[in-house]
Amino acid sequence: MVDRPAGAKGFVLLHHRWVVERTFAWLGRYRRNSRDYEGRVESSEAFIKVCSIHRMLRLLKPDPAEATAYKYPRKPKIITG
């Protein structure tokens, strides 16, 4: 468990807790993980692993169509006589 610093007032970023919450949010973006569909813990754990592998693969090799949001227009070739 991550404790708040002594004497802290207001919002304090707790790094380890933030990392866990962010990971849960990423896994919750997959439809099958967003609800409790699975009847067994083993199958639920397997889908969490599959989703984590999918996320890691997308980070290692992103989709080129998503990476190039803007393409520079080509300049027309000017043909001179």
PDB file of N, CA and C in Angstrom:
ATOM      1  N   MET A   1       0.835  -1.177   0.000  1.00  0.00           N
ATOM      2  CA  MET A   1       0.000   0.000   0.000  1.00  0.00           C
ATOM      3  C   MET A   1       0.878   1.239   0.000  1.00  0.00           C
ATOM      4  N   VAL A   2       0.462   2.231  -0.736  1.00  0.00           N
ATOM      5  CA  VAL A   2       1.209   3.478  -0.828  1.00  0.00           C
ATOM      6  C   VAL A   2       0.533   4.493   0.087  1.00  0.00           C
ATOM      7  N   ASP A   3       1.303   5.036   1.025  1.00  0.00           N
ATOM      8  CA  ASP A   3       0.763   6.025   1.961  1.00  0.00           C
ATOM      9  C   ASP A   3       1.039   7.438   1.479  1.00  0.00           C
ATOM     10  N   ARG A   4       0.186   8.348   1.908  1.00  0.00           N
ATOM     11  CA  ARG A   4       0.389   9.763   1.612  1.00  0.00           C
ATOM     12  C   ARG A   4       1.562  10.282   2.433  1.00  0.00           C
ATOM     13  N   PRO A   5       2.299  11.253   1.919  1.00  0.00           N
ATOM     14  CA  PRO A   5       3.370  11.850   2.707  1.00  0.00           C
ATOM     15  C   PRO A   5       2.807  12.541   3.946  1.00  0.00           C
ATOM     16  N   ALA A   6       3.585  12.521   5.009  1.00  0.00           N
ATOM     17  CA  ALA A   6       3.137  13.142   6.261  1.00  0.00           C
ATOM     18  C   ALA A   6       3.010  14.652   6.075  1.00  0.00           C
ATOM     19  N   GLY A   7       1.908  15.224   6.509  1.00  0.00           N
ATOM     20  CA  GLY A   7       1.699  16.668   6.435  1.00  0.00           C
ATOM     21  C   GLY A   7       1.235  17.171   5.083  1.00  0.00           C
ATOM     22  N   ALA A   8       0.877  16.292   4.165  1.00  0.00           N
ATOM     23  CA  ALA A   8       0.441  16.710   2.832  1.00  0.00           C
ATOM     24  C   ALA A   8      -1.006  17.179   2.892  1.00  0.00           C
ATOM     25  N   LYS A   9      -1.292  18.273   2.193  1.00  0.00           N
ATOM     26  CA  LYS A   9      -2.649  18.793   2.110  1.00  0.00           C
ATOM     27  C   LYS A   9      -3.077  18.811   0.650  1.00  0.00           C
ATOM     28  N   GLY A  10      -4.340  18.483   0.391  1.00  0.00           N
ATOM     29  CA  GLY A  10      -4.846  18.512  -0.979  1.00  0.00           C
ATOM     30  C   GLY A  10      -4.392  17.298  -1.777  1.00  0.00           C
ATOM     31  N   PHE A  11      -4.368  17.470  -3.104  1.00  0.00           N
ATOM     32  CA  PHE A  11      -4.020  16.375  -4.011  1.00  0.00           C
ATOM     33  C   PHE A  11      -2.525  16.120  -3.995  1.00  0.00           C
ATOM     34  N   VAL A  12      -2.152  14.858  -3.842  1.00  0.00           N
ATOM     35  CA  VAL A  12      -0.748  14.446  -3.893  1.00  0.00           C
ATOM     36  C   VAL A  12      -0.670  13.249  -4.828  1.00  0.00           C
ATOM     37  N   LEU A  13       0.199  13.319  -5.825  1.00  0.00           N
ATOM     38  CA  LEU A  13       0.365  12.228  -6.776  1.00  0.00           C
ATOM     39  C   LEU A  13       1.097  11.078  -6.099  1.00  0.00           C
ATOM     40  N   LEU A  14       0.470   9.921  -6.071  1.00  0.00           N
ATOM     41  CA  LEU A  14       1.075   8.718  -5.518  1.00  0.00           C
ATOM     42  C   LEU A  14       1.472   7.838  -6.697  1.00  0.00           C
ATOM     43  N   HIS A  15       2.755   7.812  -7.017  1.00  0.00           N
ATOM     44  CA  HIS A  15       3.244   7.245  -8.269  1.00  0.00           C
ATOM     45  C   HIS A  15       2.833   5.780  -8.462  1.00  0.00           C
ATOM     46  N   HIS A  16       3.082   4.922  -7.490  1.00  0.00           N
ATOM     47  CA  HIS A  16       2.806   3.495  -7.684  1.00  0.00           C
ATOM     48  C   HIS A  16       1.318   3.245  -7.874  1.00  0.00           C
ATOM     49  N   ARG A  17       0.485   3.938  -7.130  1.00  0.00           N
ATOM     50  CA  ARG A  17      -0.954   3.756  -7.275  1.00  0.00           C
ATOM     51  C   ARG A  17      -1.406   4.243  -8.643  1.00  0.00           C
ATOM     52  N   TRP A  18      -0.795   5.330  -9.129  1.00  0.00           N
ATOM     53  CA  TRP A  18      -1.164   5.878 -10.433  1.00  0.00           C
ATOM     54  C   TRP A  18      -0.822   4.894 -11.548  1.00  0.00           C
ATOM     55  N   VAL A  19       0.300   4.219 -11.440  1.00  0.00           N
ATOM     56  CA  VAL A  19       0.702   3.244 -12.458  1.00  0.00           C
ATOM     57  C   VAL A  19      -0.298   2.095 -12.510  1.00  0.00           C
ATOM     58  N   VAL A  20      -0.750   1.624 -11.368  1.00  0.00           N
ATOM     59  CA  VAL A  20      -1.715   0.521 -11.320  1.00  0.00           C
ATOM     60  C   VAL A  20      -3.051   0.966 -11.902  1.00  0.00           C
ATOM     61  N   GLU A  21      -3.522   2.143 -11.521  1.00  0.00           N
ATOM     62  CA  GLU A  21      -4.803   2.637 -12.033  1.00  0.00           C
ATOM     63  C   GLU A  21      -4.754   2.854 -13.546  1.00  0.00           C
ATOM     64  N   ARG A  22      -3.624   3.344 -14.046  1.00  0.00           N
ATOM     65  CA  ARG A  22      -3.471   3.545 -15.489  1.00  0.00           C
ATOM     66  C   ARG A  22      -3.514   2.211 -16.223  1.00  0.00           C
ATOM     67  N   THR A  23      -2.874   1.188 -15.663  1.00  0.00           N
ATOM     68  CA  THR A  23      -2.886  -0.134 -16.272  1.00  0.00           C
ATOM     69  C   THR A  23      -4.298  -0.705 -16.308  1.00  0.00           C
ATOM     70  N   PHE A  24      -5.045  -0.548 -15.224  1.00  0.00           N
ATOM     71  CA  PHE A  24      -6.440  -1.006 -15.206  1.00  0.00           C
ATOM     72  C   PHE A  24      -7.265  -0.278 -16.256  1.00  0.00           C
ATOM     73  N   ALA A  25      -7.005   1.001 -16.452  1.00  0.00           N
ATOM     74  CA  ALA A  25      -7.747   1.765 -17.462  1.00  0.00           C
ATOM     75  C   ALA A  25      -7.431   1.250 -18.860  1.00  0.00           C
ATOM     76  N   TRP A  26      -6.165   0.936 -19.135  1.00  0.00           N
ATOM     77  CA  TRP A  26      -5.807   0.403 -20.454  1.00  0.00           C
ATOM     78  C   TRP A  26      -6.484  -0.940 -20.698  1.00  0.00           C
ATOM     79  N   LEU A  27      -6.496  -1.796 -19.680  1.00  0.00           N
ATOM     80  CA  LEU A  27      -7.113  -3.105 -19.842  1.00  0.00           C
ATOM     81  C   LEU A  27      -8.627  -2.996 -19.960  1.00  0.00           C
ATOM     82  N   GLY A  28      -9.224  -2.007 -19.324  1.00  0.00           N
ATOM     83  CA  GLY A  28     -10.660  -1.818 -19.385  1.00  0.00           C
ATOM     84  C   GLY A  28     -11.145  -1.326 -20.729  1.00  0.00           C
ATOM     85  N   ARG A  29     -10.235  -0.854 -21.584  1.00  0.00           N
ATOM     86  CA  ARG A  29     -10.624  -0.386 -22.916  1.00  0.00           C
ATOM     87  C   ARG A  29     -10.996  -1.549 -23.830  1.00  0.00           C
ATOM     88  N   TYR A  30     -10.545  -2.748 -23.481  1.00  0.00           N
ATOM     89  CA  TYR A  30     -10.925  -3.927 -24.253  1.00  0.00           C
ATOM     90  C   TYR A  30     -12.307  -4.378 -23.779  1.00  0.00           C
ATOM     91  N   ARG A  31     -13.214  -4.589 -24.716  1.00  0.00           N
ATOM     92  CA  ARG A  31     -14.610  -4.848 -24.385  1.00  0.00           C
ATOM     93  C   ARG A  31     -14.793  -6.070 -23.483  1.00  0.00           C
ATOM     94  N   ARG A  32     -14.055  -7.101 -23.738  1.00  0.00           N
ATOM     95  CA  ARG A  32     -14.235  -8.332 -22.961  1.00  0.00           C
ATOM     96  C   ARG A  32     -13.777  -8.160 -21.515  1.00  0.00           C
ATOM     97  N   ASN A  33     -12.862  -7.212 -21.266  1.00  0.00           N
ATOM     98  CA  ASN A  33     -12.398  -6.978 -19.907  1.00  0.00           C
ATOM     99  C   ASN A  33     -13.215  -5.915 -19.185  1.00  0.00           C
ATOM    100  N   SER A  34     -14.057  -5.204 -19.906  1.00  0.00           N
ATOM    101  CA  SER A  34     -14.781  -4.108 -19.278  1.00  0.00           C
ATOM    102  C   SER A  34     -15.917  -4.610 -18.376  1.00  0.00           C
ATOM    103  N   ARG A  35     -16.392  -5.814 -18.599  1.00  0.00           N
ATOM    104  CA  ARG A  35     -17.438  -6.415 -17.762  1.00  0.00           C
ATOM    105  C   ARG A  35     -16.942  -7.762 -17.243  1.00  0.00           C
ATOM    106  N   ASP A  36     -17.677  -8.326 -16.334  1.00  0.00           N
ATOM    107  CA  ASP A  36     -17.298  -9.608 -15.757  1.00  0.00           C
ATOM    108  C   ASP A  36     -18.014 -10.728 -16.512  1.00  0.00           C
ATOM    109  N   TYR A  37     -17.568 -11.004 -17.753  1.00  0.00           N
ATOM    110  CA  TYR A  37     -18.213 -12.001 -18.602  1.00  0.00           C
ATOM    111  C   TYR A  37     -17.776 -13.433 -18.272  1.00  0.00           C
ATOM    112  N   GLU A  38     -16.560 -13.593 -17.822  1.00  0.00           N
ATOM    113  CA  GLU A  38     -15.979 -14.931 -17.691  1.00  0.00           C
ATOM    114  C   GLU A  38     -16.532 -15.658 -16.473  1.00  0.00           C
ATOM    115  N   GLY A  39     -16.728 -16.955 -16.628  1.00  0.00           N
ATOM    116  CA  GLY A  39     -17.219 -17.778 -15.527  1.00  0.00           C
ATOM    117  C   GLY A  39     -16.107 -18.292 -14.634  1.00  0.00           C
ATOM    118  N   ARG A  40     -14.904 -18.377 -15.184  1.00  0.00           N
ATOM    119  CA  ARG A  40     -13.765 -18.897 -14.418  1.00  0.00           C
ATOM    120  C   ARG A  40     -12.669 -17.859 -14.336  1.00  0.00           C
ATOM    121  N   VAL A  41     -11.948 -17.889 -13.252  1.00  0.00           N
ATOM    122  CA  VAL A  41     -10.854 -16.942 -13.034  1.00  0.00           C
ATOM    123  C   VAL A  41      -9.737 -17.180 -14.044  1.00  0.00           C
ATOM    124  N   GLU A  42      -9.502 -18.436 -14.400  1.00  0.00           N
ATOM    125  CA  GLU A  42      -8.412 -18.760 -15.332  1.00  0.00           C
ATOM    126  C   GLU A  42      -8.646 -18.144 -16.705  1.00  0.00           C
ATOM    127  N   SER A  43      -9.882 -18.174 -17.195  1.00  0.00           N
ATOM    128  CA  SER A  43     -10.149 -17.594 -18.512  1.00  0.00           C
ATOM    129  C   SER A  43     -10.069 -16.073 -18.466  1.00  0.00           C
ATOM    130  N   SER A  44     -10.492 -15.476 -17.365  1.00  0.00           N
ATOM    131  CA  SER A  44     -10.377 -14.027 -17.219  1.00  0.00           C
ATOM    132  C   SER A  44      -8.909 -13.606 -17.188  1.00  0.00           C
ATOM    133  N   GLU A  45      -8.094 -14.360 -16.474  1.00  0.00           N
ATOM    134  CA  GLU A  45      -6.661 -14.079 -16.407  1.00  0.00           C
ATOM    135  C   GLU A  45      -6.011 -14.241 -17.777  1.00  0.00           C
ATOM    136  N   ALA A  46      -6.443 -15.232 -18.541  1.00  0.00           N
ATOM    137  CA  ALA A  46      -5.891 -15.455 -19.877  1.00  0.00           C
ATOM    138  C   ALA A  46      -6.207 -14.275 -20.796  1.00  0.00           C
ATOM    139  N   PHE A  47      -7.431 -13.733 -20.725  1.00  0.00           N
ATOM    140  CA  PHE A  47      -7.777 -12.603 -21.573  1.00  0.00           C
ATOM    141  C   PHE A  47      -7.034 -11.335 -21.163  1.00  0.00           C
ATOM    142  N   ILE A  48      -6.755 -11.182 -19.881  1.00  0.00           N
ATOM    143  CA  ILE A  48      -5.957 -10.038 -19.439  1.00  0.00           C
ATOM    144  C   ILE A  48      -4.552 -10.142 -20.011  1.00  0.00           C
ATOM    145  N   LYS A  49      -4.001 -11.348 -20.038  1.00  0.00           N
ATOM    146  CA  LYS A  49      -2.670 -11.546 -20.617  1.00  0.00           C
ATOM    147  C   LYS A  49      -2.686 -11.277 -22.120  1.00  0.00           C
ATOM    148  N   VAL A  50      -3.721 -11.753 -22.812  1.00  0.00           N
ATOM    149  CA  VAL A  50      -3.824 -11.528 -24.255  1.00  0.00           C
ATOM    150  C   VAL A  50      -3.910 -10.032 -24.557  1.00  0.00           C
ATOM    151  N   CYS A  51      -4.708  -9.314 -23.786  1.00  0.00           N
ATOM    152  CA  CYS A  51      -4.848  -7.866 -23.993  1.00  0.00           C
ATOM    153  C   CYS A  51      -3.544  -7.135 -23.699  1.00  0.00           C
ATOM    154  N   SER A  52      -2.820  -7.583 -22.688  1.00  0.00           N
ATOM    155  CA  SER A  52      -1.527  -6.967 -22.378  1.00  0.00           C
ATOM    156  C   SER A  52      -0.520  -7.214 -23.496  1.00  0.00           C
ATOM    157  N   ILE A  53      -0.513  -8.414 -24.048  1.00  0.00           N
ATOM    158  CA  ILE A  53       0.379  -8.726 -25.165  1.00  0.00           C
ATOM    159  C   ILE A  53       0.016  -7.882 -26.380  1.00  0.00           C
ATOM    160  N   HIS A  54      -1.278  -7.746 -26.662  1.00  0.00           N
ATOM    161  CA  HIS A  54      -1.724  -6.931 -27.788  1.00  0.00           C
ATOM    162  C   HIS A  54      -1.273  -5.486 -27.625  1.00  0.00           C
ATOM    163  N   ARG A  55      -1.393  -4.957 -26.418  1.00  0.00           N
ATOM    164  CA  ARG A  55      -0.975  -3.576 -26.161  1.00  0.00           C
ATOM    165  C   ARG A  55       0.535  -3.415 -26.339  1.00  0.00           C
ATOM    166  N   MET A  56       1.312  -4.372 -25.834  1.00  0.00           N
ATOM    167  CA  MET A  56       2.764  -4.285 -25.991  1.00  0.00           C
ATOM    168  C   MET A  56       3.167  -4.355 -27.457  1.00  0.00           C
ATOM    169  N   LEU A  57       2.516  -5.229 -28.229  1.00  0.00           N
ATOM    170  CA  LEU A  57       2.840  -5.327 -29.656  1.00  0.00           C
ATOM    171  C   LEU A  57       2.500  -4.039 -30.399  1.00  0.00           C
ATOM    172  N   ARG A  58       1.387  -3.400 -30.042  1.00  0.00           N
ATOM    173  CA  ARG A  58       1.028  -2.136 -30.683  1.00  0.00           C
ATOM    174  C   ARG A  58       2.024  -1.030 -30.333  1.00  0.00           C
ATOM    175  N   LEU A  59       2.578  -1.077 -29.126  1.00  0.00           N
ATOM    176  CA  LEU A  59       3.581  -0.086 -28.755  1.00  0.00           C
ATOM    177  C   LEU A  59       4.907  -0.332 -29.474  1.00  0.00           C
ATOM    178  N   LEU A  60       5.236  -1.599 -29.695  1.00  0.00           N
ATOM    179  CA  LEU A  60       6.492  -1.926 -30.376  1.00  0.00           C
ATOM    180  C   LEU A  60       6.434  -1.611 -31.869  1.00  0.00           C
ATOM    181  N   LYS A  61       5.304  -1.889 -32.503  1.00  0.00           N
ATOM    182  CA  LYS A  61       5.154  -1.619 -33.927  1.00  0.00           C
ATOM    183  C   LYS A  61       3.811  -0.937 -34.167  1.00  0.00           C
ATOM    184  N   PRO A  62       3.788   0.394 -34.080  1.00  0.00           N
ATOM    185  CA  PRO A  62       2.519   1.102 -34.260  1.00  0.00           C
ATOM    186  C   PRO A  62       2.035   1.024 -35.706  1.00  0.00           C
ATOM    187  N   ASP A  63       0.754   1.222 -35.882  1.00  0.00           N
ATOM    188  CA  ASP A  63       0.130   1.209 -37.195  1.00  0.00           C
ATOM    189  C   ASP A  63       0.597   2.438 -37.982  1.00  0.00           C
ATOM    190  N   PRO A  64       1.178   2.260 -39.183  1.00  0.00           N
ATOM    191  CA  PRO A  64       1.678   3.419 -39.926  1.00  0.00           C
ATOM    192  C   PRO A  64       0.570   4.403 -40.308  1.00  0.00           C
ATOM    193  N   ALA A  65      -0.652   3.932 -40.489  1.00  0.00           N
ATOM    194  CA  ALA A  65      -1.742   4.837 -40.856  1.00  0.00           C
ATOM    195  C   ALA A  65      -2.068   5.790 -39.718  1.00  0.00           C
ATOM    196  N   GLU A  66      -1.958   5.324 -38.472  1.00  0.00           N
ATOM    197  CA  GLU A  66      -2.222   6.184 -37.318  1.00  0.00           C
ATOM    198  C   GLU A  66      -1.049   7.092 -37.026  1.00  0.00           C
ATOM    199  N   ALA A  67       0.160   6.657 -37.365  1.00  0.00           N
ATOM    200  CA  ALA A  67       1.354   7.436 -37.030  1.00  0.00           C
ATOM    201  C   ALA A  67       1.504   8.668 -37.924  1.00  0.00           C
ATOM    202  N   THR A  68       1.075   8.584 -39.170  1.00  0.00           N
ATOM    203  CA  THR A  68       1.213   9.706 -40.086  1.00  0.00           C
ATOM    204  C   THR A  68      -0.112  10.452 -40.167  1.00  0.00           C
ATOM    205  N   ALA A  69      -0.288  11.379 -39.264  1.00  0.00           N
ATOM    206  CA  ALA A  69      -1.543  12.129 -39.231  1.00  0.00           C
ATOM    207  C   ALA A  69      -1.597  13.182 -40.334  1.00  0.00           C
ATOM    208  N   TYR A  70      -0.418  13.692 -40.757  1.00  0.00           N
ATOM    209  CA  TYR A  70      -0.390  14.738 -41.752  1.00  0.00           C
ATOM    210  C   TYR A  70       0.662  14.396 -42.788  1.00  0.00           C
ATOM    211  N   LYS A  71       0.282  14.492 -44.054  1.00  0.00           N
ATOM    212  CA  LYS A  71       1.238  14.285 -45.140  1.00  0.00           C
ATOM    213  C   LYS A  71       1.410  15.603 -45.866  1.00  0.00           C
ATOM    214  N   TYR A  72       2.644  15.923 -46.149  1.00  0.00           N
ATOM    215  CA  TYR A  72       2.915  17.146 -46.878  1.00  0.00           C
ATOM    216  C   TYR A  72       2.451  16.996 -48.326  1.00  0.00           C
ATOM    217  N   PRO A  73       1.795  18.013 -48.873  1.00  0.00           N
ATOM    218  CA  PRO A  73       1.351  17.901 -50.272  1.00  0.00           C
ATOM    219  C   PRO A  73       2.552  17.905 -51.207  1.00  0.00           C
ATOM    220  N   ARG A  74       2.416  17.142 -52.263  1.00  0.00           N
ATOM    221  CA  ARG A  74       3.494  17.108 -53.253  1.00  0.00           C
ATOM    222  C   ARG A  74       3.430  18.347 -54.126  1.00  0.00           C
ATOM    223  N   LYS A  75       4.584  18.855 -54.431  1.00  0.00           N
ATOM    224  CA  LYS A  75       4.641  20.018 -55.308  1.00  0.00           C
ATOM    225  C   LYS A  75       4.505  19.559 -56.746  1.00  0.00           C
ATOM    226  N   PRO A  76       3.701  20.228 -57.515  1.00  0.00           N
ATOM    227  CA  PRO A  76       3.552  19.821 -58.924  1.00  0.00           C
ATOM    228  C   PRO A  76       4.861  20.076 -59.684  1.00  0.00           C
ATOM    229  N   LYS A  77       5.185  19.162 -60.566  1.00  0.00           N
ATOM    230  CA  LYS A  77       6.387  19.326 -61.377  1.00  0.00           C
ATOM    231  C   LYS A  77       6.095  20.331 -62.467  1.00  0.00           C
ATOM    232  N   ILE A  78       6.997  21.295 -62.593  1.00  0.00           N
ATOM    233  CA  ILE A  78       6.837  22.309 -63.617  1.00  0.00           C
ATOM    234  C   ILE A  78       7.662  21.896 -64.846  1.00  0.00           C
ATOM    235  N   ILE A  79       6.986  21.724 -65.965  1.00  0.00           N
ATOM    236  CA  ILE A  79       7.654  21.320 -67.195  1.00  0.00           C
ATOM    237  C   ILE A  79       7.913  22.570 -68.022  1.00  0.00           C
ATOM    238  N   THR A  80       9.157  22.811 -68.282  1.00  0.00           N
ATOM    239  CA  THR A  80       9.500  23.977 -69.108  1.00  0.00           C
ATOM    240  C   THR A  80       9.966  23.475 -70.476  1.00  0.00           C
ATOM    241  N   GLY A  81       9.604  24.229 -71.490  1.00  0.00           N
ATOM    242  CA  GLY A  81       9.834  23.917 -72.881  1.00  0.00           C
ATOM    243  C   GLY A  81      11.180  23.627 -73.264  1.00  0.00           C
TER     244      GLY A  81
END
